[in-house]
Amino acid sequence: MASSSSSNPCWSDQVYEAFDMLSSGNHQGAISALHTLRRDSRLPRFWRIQVLALLANAVEDWNEAEVRSSRRVQAA
């Protein structure tokens, strides 16, 4: 993930880096990076929507995505 200042992260660089990972076939790396971004409460709404759209595109099996999501909710 691109290094960024903790006070002013460069959201576009981080999202585009995850997109590049996804485009190159590194789905697990992209999913991990996108989940990290999604959990950041400072992420602006525009970039949050971009992250969620990329996450939806990263998982080919919707059933698998639902199972992963429900496991995370139960663990929290």
C-alpha atoms as a PDB file:
ATOM      1  CA  MET A   1       0.000   0.000   0.000  1.00  0.00           C
ATOM      2  CA  ALA A   2       1.229   3.486  -0.729  1.00  0.00           C
ATOM      3  CA  SER A   3       2.707   5.233   2.267  1.00  0.00           C
ATOM      4  CA  SER A   4       0.823   8.281   3.383  1.00  0.00           C
ATOM      5  CA  SER A   5       0.761  10.807   6.149  1.00  0.00           C
ATOM      6  CA  SER A   6      -1.489   9.790   9.015  1.00  0.00           C
ATOM      7  CA  SER A   7      -3.061  13.257   9.077  1.00  0.00           C
ATOM      8  CA  ASN A   8      -3.784  13.509   5.326  1.00  0.00           C
ATOM      9  CA  PRO A   9      -3.728  10.154   3.536  1.00  0.00           C
ATOM     10  CA  CYS A  10      -3.852  10.182  -0.242  1.00  0.00           C
ATOM     11  CA  TRP A  11      -7.028   8.165  -0.747  1.00  0.00           C
ATOM     12  CA  SER A  12      -6.834   8.176  -4.531  1.00  0.00           C
ATOM     13  CA  ASP A  13      -3.356   6.616  -4.547  1.00  0.00           C
ATOM     14  CA  GLN A  14      -4.465   3.856  -2.184  1.00  0.00           C
ATOM     15  CA  VAL A  15      -7.667   3.085  -4.088  1.00  0.00           C
ATOM     16  CA  TYR A  16      -5.893   3.109  -7.458  1.00  0.00           C
ATOM     17  CA  GLU A  17      -3.177   0.843  -6.088  1.00  0.00           C
ATOM     18  CA  ALA A  18      -5.846  -1.647  -4.980  1.00  0.00           C
ATOM     19  CA  PHE A  19      -7.464  -1.337  -8.422  1.00  0.00           C
ATOM     20  CA  ASP A  20      -4.109  -2.125 -10.056  1.00  0.00           C
ATOM     21  CA  MET A  21      -3.727  -5.203  -7.837  1.00  0.00           C
ATOM     22  CA  LEU A  22      -7.191  -6.340  -8.846  1.00  0.00           C
ATOM     23  CA  SER A  23      -6.478  -5.719 -12.532  1.00  0.00           C
ATOM     24  CA  SER A  24      -3.251  -7.719 -12.369  1.00  0.00           C
ATOM     25  CA  GLY A  25      -5.017 -10.702 -10.797  1.00  0.00           C
ATOM     26  CA  ASN A  26      -3.905 -10.176  -7.205  1.00  0.00           C
ATOM     27  CA  HIS A  27      -7.441 -10.498  -5.845  1.00  0.00           C
ATOM     28  CA  GLN A  28      -6.431 -11.386  -2.275  1.00  0.00           C
ATOM     29  CA  GLY A  29      -4.060  -8.428  -2.034  1.00  0.00           C
ATOM     30  CA  ALA A  30      -6.687  -6.087  -3.443  1.00  0.00           C
ATOM     31  CA  ILE A  31      -9.387  -7.385  -1.119  1.00  0.00           C
ATOM     32  CA  SER A  32      -7.105  -6.995   1.889  1.00  0.00           C
ATOM     33  CA  ALA A  33      -6.129  -3.441   0.906  1.00  0.00           C
ATOM     34  CA  LEU A  34      -9.748  -2.489   0.228  1.00  0.00           C
ATOM     35  CA  HIS A  35     -10.936  -3.864   3.568  1.00  0.00           C
ATOM     36  CA  THR A  36      -8.224  -1.853   5.306  1.00  0.00           C
ATOM     37  CA  LEU A  37      -9.422   1.282   3.543  1.00  0.00           C
ATOM     38  CA  ARG A  38     -13.085   0.491   4.251  1.00  0.00           C
ATOM     39  CA  ARG A  39     -12.417   0.217   7.984  1.00  0.00           C
ATOM     40  CA  ASP A  40     -10.751   3.655   8.122  1.00  0.00           C
ATOM     41  CA  SER A  41     -13.325   6.048   9.593  1.00  0.00           C
ATOM     42  CA  ARG A  42     -11.592   9.008   7.913  1.00  0.00           C
ATOM     43  CA  LEU A  43     -12.263   7.671   4.408  1.00  0.00           C
ATOM     44  CA  PRO A  44     -14.406  10.255   2.578  1.00  0.00           C
ATOM     45  CA  ARG A  45     -17.771   9.107   1.241  1.00  0.00           C
ATOM     46  CA  PHE A  46     -16.713   9.334  -2.431  1.00  0.00           C
ATOM     47  CA  TRP A  47     -13.745   7.021  -1.858  1.00  0.00           C
ATOM     48  CA  ARG A  48     -15.813   4.703   0.374  1.00  0.00           C
ATOM     49  CA  ILE A  49     -18.224   4.191  -2.536  1.00  0.00           C
ATOM     50  CA  GLN A  50     -15.281   3.465  -4.849  1.00  0.00           C
ATOM     51  CA  VAL A  51     -13.868   0.958  -2.338  1.00  0.00           C
ATOM     52  CA  LEU A  52     -17.214  -0.821  -1.973  1.00  0.00           C
ATOM     53  CA  ALA A  53     -17.652  -1.015  -5.749  1.00  0.00           C
ATOM     54  CA  LEU A  54     -14.173  -2.512  -6.143  1.00  0.00           C
ATOM     55  CA  LEU A  55     -14.855  -4.998  -3.347  1.00  0.00           C
ATOM     56  CA  ALA A  56     -18.049  -6.065  -5.079  1.00  0.00           C
ATOM     57  CA  ASN A  57     -16.065  -6.587  -8.265  1.00  0.00           C
ATOM     58  CA  ALA A  58     -13.212  -8.429  -6.521  1.00  0.00           C
ATOM     59  CA  VAL A  59     -15.285 -11.372  -5.332  1.00  0.00           C
ATOM     60  CA  GLU A  60     -16.709 -13.501  -8.128  1.00  0.00           C
ATOM     61  CA  ASP A  61     -18.838 -15.732  -5.902  1.00  0.00           C
ATOM     62  CA  TRP A  62     -21.513 -13.692  -4.093  1.00  0.00           C
ATOM     63  CA  ASN A  63     -22.240 -16.586  -1.748  1.00  0.00           C
ATOM     64  CA  GLU A  64     -18.589 -16.583  -0.672  1.00  0.00           C
ATOM     65  CA  ALA A  65     -18.755 -12.827  -0.103  1.00  0.00           C
ATOM     66  CA  GLU A  66     -21.863 -13.202   2.063  1.00  0.00           C
ATOM     67  CA  VAL A  67     -20.253 -15.955   4.141  1.00  0.00           C
ATOM     68  CA  ARG A  68     -17.118 -13.851   4.688  1.00  0.00           C
ATOM     69  CA  SER A  69     -19.200 -10.820   5.601  1.00  0.00           C
ATOM     70  CA  SER A  70     -21.354 -12.696   8.095  1.00  0.00           C
ATOM     71  CA  ARG A  71     -18.265 -14.214   9.739  1.00  0.00           C
ATOM     72  CA  ARG A  72     -16.777 -10.739  10.228  1.00  0.00           C
ATOM     73  CA  VAL A  73     -20.012  -9.430  11.719  1.00  0.00           C
ATOM     74  CA  GLN A  74     -20.274 -12.370  14.126  1.00  0.00           C
ATOM     75  CA  ALA A  75     -16.637 -11.954  15.196  1.00  0.00           C
ATOM     76  CA  ALA A  76     -17.101  -8.251  15.973  1.00  0.00           C
END
